[in-house]
Amino acid sequence: MKRNIFIKILFFLLLILPLFSFGQNDDTAVLRTILQRYYKTEKPVYKGRSQLLYLYCNRANNNEEIFEAIKNRKLSETFLTDIRNKVNTDFAEQNWSTELLSIYESDLTLKQKINYCQSLEQYQEISKRLSLNNQRLMIISKPLYYLKNNIALVKVVFYRNIEHNSGSILWLEKTANGWEIKEYLNPWAT
């Protein structure tokens, strides 16, 4: 009797687990695509060499700027309603640490270029200590997925202690080769 219950629970878990890991895998793949794009020209961080581009550990919450960026797109009402609900309700603290560690396992080059993700306070301390104005903190929002059409929207912002901040919303599409950045929506710079 107990064995039958155990088998049923195990079978149920085997059916459910892929649903939970699917979003995780997409998050990792989306993060990898963004990091490969923006860290492409960065030099590896070795002893004595200053890192110029830092990754913010936390995932930024999305806001109404997403809707401004996609207002001229013909997207399904279901997707628009879904992302509006997520934007208005998803304020839970999340970070990129798990996905970053997963990327490090297979991509040594990115590991050498990113080093560690930083909090805002850590970034400001490093910038203050080095007294350089060429450092940037890359802030990546929580991805918004429309898996029916293999679309993801992700806001990427570059923060500096001085002015010259910039950002845009990335339109990514999932192809046979993985997630690819197709467009930069509403780019801005100060």
N, C-alpha and C. Protein backbone atom coordinates (compact mmCIF):
# COMPACT_ATOMS: atom_id res chain seq x y z
N MET A 1 0.83 -1.20 0.00
CA MET A 1 0.00 0.00 0.00
C MET A 1 0.87 1.25 0.00
N LYS A 2 1.84 1.31 0.94
CA LYS A 2 2.71 2.47 1.01
C LYS A 2 3.56 2.59 -0.25
N ARG A 3 3.94 1.45 -0.78
CA ARG A 3 4.75 1.44 -2.00
C ARG A 3 3.98 2.04 -3.18
N ASN A 4 2.69 1.73 -3.29
CA ASN A 4 1.86 2.28 -4.36
C ASN A 4 1.73 3.79 -4.24
N ILE A 5 1.58 4.27 -3.03
CA ILE A 5 1.48 5.72 -2.80
C ILE A 5 2.81 6.38 -3.17
N PHE A 6 3.91 5.75 -2.76
CA PHE A 6 5.23 6.28 -3.08
C PHE A 6 5.43 6.36 -4.60
N ILE A 7 5.04 5.33 -5.32
CA ILE A 7 5.18 5.29 -6.78
C ILE A 7 4.32 6.37 -7.42
N LYS A 8 3.11 6.56 -6.92
CA LYS A 8 2.22 7.59 -7.47
C LYS A 8 2.81 8.99 -7.25
N ILE A 9 3.35 9.22 -6.06
CA ILE A 9 3.96 10.52 -5.76
C ILE A 9 5.18 10.74 -6.64
N LEU A 10 6.00 9.72 -6.77
CA LEU A 10 7.19 9.82 -7.62
C LEU A 10 6.80 10.10 -9.06
N PHE A 11 5.80 9.41 -9.57
CA PHE A 11 5.32 9.62 -10.93
C PHE A 11 4.80 11.05 -11.10
N PHE A 12 4.05 11.52 -10.12
CA PHE A 12 3.51 12.88 -10.16
C PHE A 12 4.65 13.91 -10.20
N LEU A 13 5.67 13.70 -9.37
CA LEU A 13 6.81 14.62 -9.35
C LEU A 13 7.56 14.62 -10.67
N LEU A 14 7.70 13.45 -11.27
CA LEU A 14 8.38 13.37 -12.56
C LEU A 14 7.61 14.12 -13.65
N LEU A 15 6.30 14.16 -13.53
CA LEU A 15 5.49 14.92 -14.49
C LEU A 15 5.57 16.42 -14.24
N ILE A 16 5.65 16.82 -12.99
CA ILE A 16 5.62 18.23 -12.61
C ILE A 16 6.98 18.91 -12.72
N LEU A 17 8.07 18.25 -12.38
CA LEU A 17 9.39 18.88 -12.33
C LEU A 17 9.81 19.55 -13.63
N PRO A 18 9.58 18.97 -14.79
CA PRO A 18 9.98 19.67 -16.02
C PRO A 18 9.29 21.03 -16.17
N LEU A 19 8.09 21.18 -15.64
CA LEU A 19 7.41 22.47 -15.73
C LEU A 19 8.14 23.54 -14.94
N PHE A 20 8.69 23.18 -13.79
CA PHE A 20 9.40 24.14 -12.97
C PHE A 20 10.77 24.45 -13.53
N SER A 21 11.44 23.48 -14.07
CA SER A 21 12.79 23.72 -14.58
C SER A 21 12.77 24.42 -15.93
N PHE A 22 11.64 24.37 -16.66
CA PHE A 22 11.58 25.00 -17.97
C PHE A 22 11.85 26.50 -17.88
N GLY A 23 11.16 27.19 -16.97
CA GLY A 23 11.38 28.62 -16.79
C GLY A 23 12.81 28.92 -16.36
N GLN A 24 13.36 28.08 -15.50
CA GLN A 24 14.73 28.25 -15.04
C GLN A 24 15.69 28.16 -16.22
N ASN A 25 15.49 27.15 -17.08
CA ASN A 25 16.36 26.99 -18.23
C ASN A 25 16.25 28.18 -19.18
N ASP A 26 15.04 28.69 -19.37
CA ASP A 26 14.86 29.86 -20.22
C ASP A 26 15.53 31.07 -19.60
N ASP A 27 15.40 31.24 -18.28
CA ASP A 27 16.05 32.36 -17.61
C ASP A 27 17.56 32.29 -17.80
N THR A 28 18.13 31.10 -17.65
CA THR A 28 19.56 30.93 -17.83
C THR A 28 19.97 31.22 -19.26
N ALA A 29 19.20 30.71 -20.21
CA ALA A 29 19.53 30.92 -21.63
C ALA A 29 19.40 32.39 -22.02
N VAL A 30 18.38 33.07 -21.51
CA VAL A 30 18.21 34.50 -21.79
C VAL A 30 19.35 35.30 -21.19
N LEU A 31 19.69 34.99 -19.93
CA LEU A 31 20.81 35.69 -19.29
C LEU A 31 22.10 35.45 -20.05
N ARG A 32 22.36 34.23 -20.47
CA ARG A 32 23.57 33.91 -21.23
C ARG A 32 23.64 34.75 -22.51
N THR A 33 22.53 34.85 -23.22
CA THR A 33 22.48 35.64 -24.46
C THR A 33 22.81 37.11 -24.19
N ILE A 34 22.23 37.66 -23.14
CA ILE A 34 22.47 39.06 -22.81
C ILE A 34 23.93 39.28 -22.39
N LEU A 35 24.44 38.40 -21.54
CA LEU A 35 25.82 38.53 -21.09
C LEU A 35 26.81 38.39 -22.25
N GLN A 36 26.57 37.43 -23.13
CA GLN A 36 27.47 37.26 -24.27
C GLN A 36 27.47 38.50 -25.16
N ARG A 37 26.32 39.13 -25.30
CA ARG A 37 26.23 40.34 -26.13
C ARG A 37 27.00 41.50 -25.49
N TYR A 38 26.74 41.76 -24.22
CA TYR A 38 27.29 42.95 -23.59
C TYR A 38 28.71 42.77 -23.04
N TYR A 39 29.12 41.56 -22.77
CA TYR A 39 30.48 41.33 -22.29
C TYR A 39 31.43 40.93 -23.42
N LYS A 40 30.93 40.94 -24.64
CA LYS A 40 31.71 40.50 -25.80
C LYS A 40 33.05 41.24 -25.90
N THR A 41 33.05 42.55 -25.72
CA THR A 41 34.26 43.34 -25.89
C THR A 41 35.00 43.61 -24.58
N GLU A 42 34.46 43.11 -23.47
CA GLU A 42 35.13 43.33 -22.18
C GLU A 42 36.36 42.43 -22.07
N LYS A 43 37.38 42.92 -21.39
CA LYS A 43 38.59 42.13 -21.18
C LYS A 43 38.42 41.25 -19.95
N PRO A 44 39.05 40.07 -19.95
CA PRO A 44 38.99 39.23 -18.75
C PRO A 44 39.59 39.96 -17.55
N VAL A 45 39.08 39.66 -16.36
CA VAL A 45 39.53 40.31 -15.14
C VAL A 45 40.61 39.43 -14.50
N TYR A 46 41.84 39.88 -14.60
CA TYR A 46 42.97 39.21 -13.96
C TYR A 46 43.47 40.08 -12.83
N LYS A 47 44.32 39.54 -11.99
CA LYS A 47 44.87 40.30 -10.87
C LYS A 47 45.51 41.59 -11.38
N GLY A 48 45.10 42.68 -10.80
CA GLY A 48 45.65 43.98 -11.17
C GLY A 48 44.89 44.68 -12.28
N ARG A 49 43.99 43.99 -12.96
CA ARG A 49 43.22 44.63 -14.03
C ARG A 49 41.85 45.02 -13.48
N SER A 50 41.45 46.23 -13.74
CA SER A 50 40.17 46.73 -13.26
C SER A 50 39.02 46.21 -14.12
N GLN A 51 37.95 45.82 -13.48
CA GLN A 51 36.75 45.41 -14.21
C GLN A 51 35.95 46.68 -14.53
N LEU A 52 35.44 46.79 -15.75
CA LEU A 52 34.71 47.98 -16.15
C LEU A 52 33.20 47.79 -16.16
N LEU A 53 32.75 46.58 -16.47
CA LEU A 53 31.32 46.30 -16.52
C LEU A 53 30.97 45.29 -15.42
N TYR A 54 30.07 45.70 -14.53
CA TYR A 54 29.65 44.85 -13.42
C TYR A 54 28.21 44.43 -13.64
N LEU A 55 27.87 43.27 -13.11
CA LEU A 55 26.51 42.76 -13.20
C LEU A 55 25.81 42.94 -11.85
N TYR A 56 24.64 43.56 -11.87
CA TYR A 56 23.83 43.74 -10.68
C TYR A 56 23.17 42.40 -10.35
N CYS A 57 23.31 41.94 -9.11
CA CYS A 57 22.82 40.61 -8.71
C CYS A 57 21.30 40.48 -8.79
N ASN A 58 20.57 41.49 -8.36
CA ASN A 58 19.12 41.38 -8.29
C ASN A 58 18.47 41.60 -9.64
N ARG A 59 17.35 40.94 -9.83
CA ARG A 59 16.55 41.16 -11.03
C ARG A 59 15.66 42.37 -10.77
N ALA A 60 15.72 43.34 -11.64
CA ALA A 60 14.89 44.53 -11.47
C ALA A 60 13.44 44.20 -11.78
N ASN A 61 12.54 44.84 -11.06
CA ASN A 61 11.12 44.69 -11.34
C ASN A 61 10.78 45.43 -12.63
N ASN A 62 9.81 44.94 -13.35
CA ASN A 62 9.36 45.59 -14.57
C ASN A 62 8.39 46.71 -14.23
N ASN A 63 8.22 47.64 -15.19
CA ASN A 63 7.31 48.75 -14.97
C ASN A 63 6.58 49.08 -16.27
N GLU A 64 5.87 50.19 -16.27
CA GLU A 64 5.04 50.59 -17.42
C GLU A 64 5.85 50.85 -18.69
N GLU A 65 7.14 51.03 -18.57
CA GLU A 65 7.98 51.27 -19.73
C GLU A 65 7.88 50.11 -20.74
N ILE A 66 7.64 48.92 -20.26
CA ILE A 66 7.47 47.75 -21.13
C ILE A 66 6.32 47.99 -22.10
N PHE A 67 5.22 48.51 -21.59
CA PHE A 67 4.03 48.71 -22.44
C PHE A 67 4.25 49.82 -23.45
N GLU A 68 5.01 50.82 -23.08
CA GLU A 68 5.36 51.89 -24.03
C GLU A 68 6.19 51.31 -25.18
N ALA A 69 7.07 50.39 -24.87
CA ALA A 69 7.96 49.81 -25.88
C ALA A 69 7.22 48.91 -26.86
N ILE A 70 6.16 48.25 -26.41
CA ILE A 70 5.47 47.29 -27.27
C ILE A 70 4.11 47.78 -27.76
N LYS A 71 3.80 49.06 -27.55
CA LYS A 71 2.45 49.54 -27.88
C LYS A 71 2.12 49.41 -29.36
N ASN A 72 3.09 49.47 -30.25
CA ASN A 72 2.82 49.37 -31.68
C ASN A 72 2.97 47.95 -32.22
N ARG A 73 3.15 47.00 -31.34
CA ARG A 73 3.28 45.59 -31.73
C ARG A 73 1.92 44.93 -31.71
N LYS A 74 1.73 44.00 -32.61
CA LYS A 74 0.49 43.24 -32.62
C LYS A 74 0.72 41.97 -31.82
N LEU A 75 0.43 42.07 -30.53
CA LEU A 75 0.59 40.95 -29.62
C LEU A 75 -0.78 40.52 -29.11
N SER A 76 -0.91 39.27 -28.75
CA SER A 76 -2.20 38.77 -28.31
C SER A 76 -2.63 39.44 -27.01
N GLU A 77 -3.92 39.59 -26.87
CA GLU A 77 -4.48 40.18 -25.64
C GLU A 77 -4.13 39.33 -24.43
N THR A 78 -4.06 38.03 -24.63
CA THR A 78 -3.70 37.13 -23.53
C THR A 78 -2.31 37.46 -23.00
N PHE A 79 -1.37 37.66 -23.92
CA PHE A 79 0.00 37.99 -23.52
C PHE A 79 0.04 39.35 -22.84
N LEU A 80 -0.64 40.34 -23.40
CA LEU A 80 -0.65 41.68 -22.80
C LEU A 80 -1.26 41.67 -21.40
N THR A 81 -2.34 40.93 -21.24
CA THR A 81 -2.98 40.81 -19.92
C THR A 81 -2.04 40.11 -18.95
N ASP A 82 -1.40 39.06 -19.41
CA ASP A 82 -0.48 38.30 -18.57
C ASP A 82 0.69 39.16 -18.09
N ILE A 83 1.31 39.91 -19.01
CA ILE A 83 2.45 40.71 -18.57
C ILE A 83 2.01 41.89 -17.72
N ARG A 84 0.82 42.44 -17.99
CA ARG A 84 0.33 43.52 -17.13
C ARG A 84 0.13 43.01 -15.71
N ASN A 85 -0.41 41.81 -15.57
CA ASN A 85 -0.58 41.22 -14.24
C ASN A 85 0.77 41.01 -13.57
N LYS A 86 1.75 40.52 -14.32
CA LYS A 86 3.08 40.30 -13.75
C LYS A 86 3.73 41.62 -13.32
N VAL A 87 3.61 42.64 -14.16
CA VAL A 87 4.20 43.94 -13.84
C VAL A 87 3.56 44.52 -12.58
N ASN A 88 2.25 44.35 -12.45
CA ASN A 88 1.53 44.94 -11.32
C ASN A 88 1.61 44.13 -10.04
N THR A 89 2.01 42.86 -10.11
CA THR A 89 1.99 42.03 -8.91
C THR A 89 3.32 41.38 -8.54
N ASP A 90 4.25 41.24 -9.47
CA ASP A 90 5.49 40.51 -9.20
C ASP A 90 6.57 41.44 -8.66
N PHE A 91 6.57 41.59 -7.33
CA PHE A 91 7.56 42.44 -6.68
C PHE A 91 8.50 41.63 -5.79
N ALA A 92 8.43 40.31 -5.90
CA ALA A 92 9.27 39.44 -5.07
C ALA A 92 10.74 39.64 -5.43
N GLU A 93 11.58 39.65 -4.40
CA GLU A 93 13.03 39.75 -4.60
C GLU A 93 13.53 38.50 -5.30
N GLN A 94 14.23 38.69 -6.38
CA GLN A 94 14.87 37.58 -7.10
C GLN A 94 16.24 38.04 -7.52
N ASN A 95 17.14 37.08 -7.67
CA ASN A 95 18.47 37.46 -8.17
C ASN A 95 18.90 36.50 -9.26
N TRP A 96 20.04 36.82 -9.86
CA TRP A 96 20.57 36.05 -10.98
C TRP A 96 21.63 35.04 -10.56
N SER A 97 21.87 34.85 -9.29
CA SER A 97 22.99 34.03 -8.82
C SER A 97 22.95 32.59 -9.33
N THR A 98 21.81 31.94 -9.24
CA THR A 98 21.70 30.54 -9.68
C THR A 98 21.99 30.42 -11.17
N GLU A 99 21.40 31.29 -11.96
CA GLU A 99 21.60 31.26 -13.41
C GLU A 99 23.06 31.58 -13.76
N LEU A 100 23.64 32.52 -13.04
CA LEU A 100 25.03 32.90 -13.29
C LEU A 100 25.97 31.74 -12.99
N LEU A 101 25.75 31.05 -11.88
CA LEU A 101 26.58 29.88 -11.56
C LEU A 101 26.44 28.78 -12.61
N SER A 102 25.23 28.61 -13.11
CA SER A 102 25.00 27.63 -14.17
C SER A 102 25.76 28.01 -15.45
N ILE A 103 25.79 29.28 -15.77
CA ILE A 103 26.52 29.76 -16.95
C ILE A 103 28.02 29.56 -16.75
N TYR A 104 28.51 29.84 -15.55
CA TYR A 104 29.93 29.68 -15.25
C TYR A 104 30.42 28.25 -15.48
N GLU A 105 29.55 27.27 -15.24
CA GLU A 105 29.94 25.88 -15.41
C GLU A 105 30.33 25.55 -16.84
N SER A 106 29.72 26.23 -17.80
CA SER A 106 29.98 25.90 -19.20
C SER A 106 30.69 27.00 -19.99
N ASP A 107 30.88 28.18 -19.39
CA ASP A 107 31.47 29.29 -20.13
C ASP A 107 32.53 29.98 -19.27
N LEU A 108 33.75 29.51 -19.37
CA LEU A 108 34.85 30.05 -18.58
C LEU A 108 35.16 31.49 -18.97
N THR A 109 34.97 31.83 -20.24
CA THR A 109 35.25 33.19 -20.70
C THR A 109 34.37 34.21 -19.98
N LEU A 110 33.08 33.94 -19.89
CA LEU A 110 32.19 34.86 -19.17
C LEU A 110 32.55 34.92 -17.69
N LYS A 111 32.94 33.80 -17.12
CA LYS A 111 33.32 33.79 -15.71
C LYS A 111 34.52 34.71 -15.47
N GLN A 112 35.47 34.72 -16.40
CA GLN A 112 36.65 35.58 -16.26
C GLN A 112 36.31 37.05 -16.47
N LYS A 113 35.28 37.34 -17.25
CA LYS A 113 34.93 38.73 -17.53
C LYS A 113 33.99 39.33 -16.50
N ILE A 114 33.12 38.51 -15.93
CA ILE A 114 32.12 39.03 -14.99
C ILE A 114 32.64 39.01 -13.57
N ASN A 115 33.43 38.03 -13.24
CA ASN A 115 33.94 37.87 -11.90
C ASN A 115 32.78 37.53 -10.96
N TYR A 116 32.19 38.48 -10.27
CA TYR A 116 31.05 38.25 -9.39
C TYR A 116 29.99 39.30 -9.66
N CYS A 117 28.74 38.95 -9.37
CA CYS A 117 27.70 39.98 -9.47
C CYS A 117 27.79 40.85 -8.21
N GLN A 118 27.28 42.05 -8.31
CA GLN A 118 27.44 43.05 -7.24
C GLN A 118 26.08 43.60 -6.79
N SER A 119 26.03 44.03 -5.56
CA SER A 119 24.90 44.84 -5.10
C SER A 119 25.21 46.29 -5.47
N LEU A 120 24.24 47.16 -5.38
CA LEU A 120 24.47 48.57 -5.69
C LEU A 120 25.51 49.15 -4.74
N GLU A 121 25.44 48.79 -3.48
CA GLU A 121 26.39 49.30 -2.49
C GLU A 121 27.81 48.84 -2.80
N GLN A 122 27.97 47.58 -3.17
CA GLN A 122 29.30 47.06 -3.52
C GLN A 122 29.86 47.79 -4.74
N TYR A 123 29.00 47.99 -5.74
CA TYR A 123 29.44 48.70 -6.95
C TYR A 123 29.88 50.12 -6.60
N GLN A 124 29.09 50.83 -5.81
CA GLN A 124 29.43 52.20 -5.45
C GLN A 124 30.72 52.25 -4.63
N GLU A 125 30.94 51.30 -3.77
CA GLU A 125 32.18 51.24 -2.98
C GLU A 125 33.38 51.03 -3.90
N ILE A 126 33.26 50.12 -4.85
CA ILE A 126 34.36 49.87 -5.80
C ILE A 126 34.64 51.13 -6.62
N SER A 127 33.60 51.75 -7.12
CA SER A 127 33.77 52.97 -7.92
C SER A 127 34.42 54.09 -7.12
N LYS A 128 34.00 54.23 -5.88
CA LYS A 128 34.55 55.27 -5.02
C LYS A 128 36.03 55.00 -4.72
N ARG A 129 36.34 53.75 -4.44
CA ARG A 129 37.72 53.37 -4.11
C ARG A 129 38.65 53.58 -5.31
N LEU A 130 38.19 53.23 -6.51
CA LEU A 130 39.04 53.34 -7.70
C LEU A 130 39.05 54.74 -8.30
N SER A 131 38.06 55.56 -7.98
CA SER A 131 37.94 56.93 -8.50
C SER A 131 38.01 56.98 -10.02
N LEU A 132 37.33 56.04 -10.67
CA LEU A 132 37.26 56.02 -12.13
C LEU A 132 35.82 56.21 -12.56
N ASN A 133 35.63 56.90 -13.68
CA ASN A 133 34.28 57.15 -14.18
C ASN A 133 33.91 56.25 -15.35
N ASN A 134 34.72 55.24 -15.62
CA ASN A 134 34.45 54.39 -16.78
C ASN A 134 33.79 53.06 -16.41
N GLN A 135 33.36 52.91 -15.17
CA GLN A 135 32.71 51.68 -14.76
C GLN A 135 31.20 51.79 -14.91
N ARG A 136 30.59 50.64 -15.24
CA ARG A 136 29.15 50.59 -15.45
C ARG A 136 28.57 49.39 -14.69
N LEU A 137 27.36 49.55 -14.23
CA LEU A 137 26.62 48.48 -13.58
C LEU A 137 25.47 48.10 -14.49
N MET A 138 25.46 46.85 -14.97
CA MET A 138 24.38 46.39 -15.84
C MET A 138 23.27 45.79 -14.98
N ILE A 139 22.07 46.36 -15.14
CA ILE A 139 20.89 45.92 -14.38
C ILE A 139 19.95 45.26 -15.37
N ILE A 140 19.58 44.01 -15.08
CA ILE A 140 18.71 43.24 -15.98
C ILE A 140 17.40 42.94 -15.25
N SER A 141 16.29 43.22 -15.92
CA SER A 141 14.98 43.00 -15.30
C SER A 141 14.58 41.53 -15.34
N LYS A 142 13.47 41.24 -14.69
CA LYS A 142 12.88 39.90 -14.74
C LYS A 142 12.34 39.69 -16.17
N PRO A 143 12.71 38.61 -16.81
CA PRO A 143 12.21 38.38 -18.17
C PRO A 143 10.70 38.16 -18.18
N LEU A 144 10.06 38.66 -19.21
CA LEU A 144 8.63 38.44 -19.44
C LEU A 144 8.52 37.57 -20.69
N TYR A 145 7.91 36.40 -20.55
CA TYR A 145 7.86 35.43 -21.64
C TYR A 145 6.48 35.34 -22.27
N TYR A 146 6.48 35.15 -23.57
CA TYR A 146 5.29 34.75 -24.32
C TYR A 146 5.71 33.49 -25.07
N LEU A 147 5.64 32.36 -24.37
CA LEU A 147 6.19 31.11 -24.90
C LEU A 147 5.43 30.58 -26.10
N LYS A 148 4.17 30.99 -26.27
CA LYS A 148 3.40 30.54 -27.43
C LYS A 148 4.10 30.97 -28.72
N ASN A 149 4.66 32.17 -28.72
CA ASN A 149 5.37 32.68 -29.90
C ASN A 149 6.87 32.76 -29.67
N ASN A 150 7.35 32.15 -28.58
CA ASN A 150 8.79 32.13 -28.27
C ASN A 150 9.40 33.53 -28.22
N ILE A 151 8.76 34.41 -27.45
CA ILE A 151 9.21 35.79 -27.30
C ILE A 151 9.53 36.05 -25.83
N ALA A 152 10.57 36.84 -25.60
CA ALA A 152 10.88 37.31 -24.24
C ALA A 152 11.19 38.80 -24.32
N LEU A 153 10.76 39.53 -23.32
CA LEU A 153 11.07 40.95 -23.19
C LEU A 153 11.89 41.13 -21.93
N VAL A 154 13.02 41.82 -22.06
CA VAL A 154 13.91 42.03 -20.92
C VAL A 154 14.46 43.45 -21.00
N LYS A 155 14.34 44.17 -19.91
CA LYS A 155 14.89 45.53 -19.85
C LYS A 155 16.32 45.46 -19.33
N VAL A 156 17.24 46.13 -20.03
CA VAL A 156 18.64 46.19 -19.62
C VAL A 156 19.02 47.66 -19.47
N VAL A 157 19.57 48.00 -18.30
CA VAL A 157 19.95 49.39 -18.02
C VAL A 157 21.41 49.40 -17.56
N PHE A 158 22.14 50.43 -17.99
CA PHE A 158 23.52 50.62 -17.55
C PHE A 158 23.57 51.85 -16.67
N TYR A 159 23.99 51.64 -15.43
CA TYR A 159 24.07 52.72 -14.44
C TYR A 159 25.52 53.08 -14.23
N ARG A 160 25.78 54.38 -14.16
CA ARG A 160 27.12 54.87 -13.82
C ARG A 160 26.99 55.88 -12.71
N ASN A 161 28.05 56.08 -11.93
CA ASN A 161 28.02 57.06 -10.85
C ASN A 161 27.90 58.48 -11.39
N ILE A 162 28.38 58.68 -12.59
CA ILE A 162 28.21 59.97 -13.25
C ILE A 162 27.03 59.83 -14.20
N GLU A 163 26.71 60.86 -14.92
CA GLU A 163 25.61 60.75 -15.88
C GLU A 163 25.99 59.74 -16.96
N HIS A 164 25.39 59.79 -18.09
CA HIS A 164 25.64 58.87 -19.20
C HIS A 164 25.09 57.48 -18.91
N ASN A 165 23.93 57.41 -18.28
CA ASN A 165 23.24 56.14 -18.11
C ASN A 165 22.52 55.81 -19.41
N SER A 166 22.22 54.55 -19.63
CA SER A 166 21.53 54.17 -20.87
C SER A 166 20.78 52.87 -20.66
N GLY A 167 19.97 52.51 -21.64
CA GLY A 167 19.25 51.25 -21.56
C GLY A 167 18.30 51.07 -22.71
N SER A 168 17.68 49.91 -22.74
CA SER A 168 16.63 49.61 -23.72
C SER A 168 15.94 48.33 -23.29
N ILE A 169 14.86 48.03 -23.98
CA ILE A 169 14.14 46.79 -23.73
C ILE A 169 14.49 45.86 -24.89
N LEU A 170 14.95 44.68 -24.54
CA LEU A 170 15.36 43.72 -25.56
C LEU A 170 14.18 42.84 -25.95
N TRP A 171 14.01 42.69 -27.25
CA TRP A 171 13.03 41.76 -27.80
C TRP A 171 13.83 40.53 -28.21
N LEU A 172 13.64 39.43 -27.49
CA LEU A 172 14.36 38.20 -27.79
C LEU A 172 13.39 37.17 -28.37
N GLU A 173 13.89 36.36 -29.28
CA GLU A 173 13.10 35.28 -29.84
C GLU A 173 13.87 33.98 -29.70
N LYS A 174 13.13 32.94 -29.39
CA LYS A 174 13.74 31.62 -29.24
C LYS A 174 13.78 30.95 -30.60
N THR A 175 14.98 30.57 -31.04
CA THR A 175 15.17 29.90 -32.31
C THR A 175 15.78 28.52 -32.05
N ALA A 176 16.11 27.83 -33.11
CA ALA A 176 16.75 26.52 -32.97
C ALA A 176 18.11 26.65 -32.29
N ASN A 177 18.74 27.82 -32.39
CA ASN A 177 20.05 28.06 -31.76
C ASN A 177 19.94 28.64 -30.36
N GLY A 178 18.75 28.78 -29.83
CA GLY A 178 18.55 29.36 -28.51
C GLY A 178 17.93 30.75 -28.61
N TRP A 179 18.02 31.51 -27.53
CA TRP A 179 17.45 32.86 -27.51
C TRP A 179 18.37 33.82 -28.24
N GLU A 180 17.78 34.67 -29.09
CA GLU A 180 18.55 35.67 -29.85
C GLU A 180 17.91 37.03 -29.68
N ILE A 181 18.73 38.05 -29.54
CA ILE A 181 18.23 39.42 -29.45
C ILE A 181 17.87 39.86 -30.86
N LYS A 182 16.60 40.18 -31.06
CA LYS A 182 16.12 40.58 -32.38
C LYS A 182 16.00 42.09 -32.53
N GLU A 183 15.61 42.78 -31.44
CA GLU A 183 15.44 44.23 -31.51
C GLU A 183 15.75 44.88 -30.17
N TYR A 184 16.12 46.15 -30.26
CA TYR A 184 16.31 46.98 -29.07
C TYR A 184 15.19 48.00 -29.09
N LEU A 185 14.22 47.88 -28.20
CA LEU A 185 13.05 48.75 -28.17
C LEU A 185 13.27 49.92 -27.20
N ASN A 186 12.82 51.08 -27.59
CA ASN A 186 12.89 52.28 -26.77
C ASN A 186 14.27 52.53 -26.17
N PRO A 187 15.33 52.53 -26.98
CA PRO A 187 16.65 52.82 -26.41
C PRO A 187 16.70 54.26 -25.90
N TRP A 188 17.43 54.48 -24.83
CA TRP A 188 17.55 55.82 -24.25
C TRP A 188 18.95 55.99 -23.68
N ALA A 189 19.35 57.22 -23.53
CA ALA A 189 20.64 57.55 -22.91
C ALA A 189 20.55 58.95 -22.31
N THR A 190 21.27 59.17 -21.21
CA THR A 190 21.29 60.50 -20.59
C THR A 190 22.70 61.05 -20.65
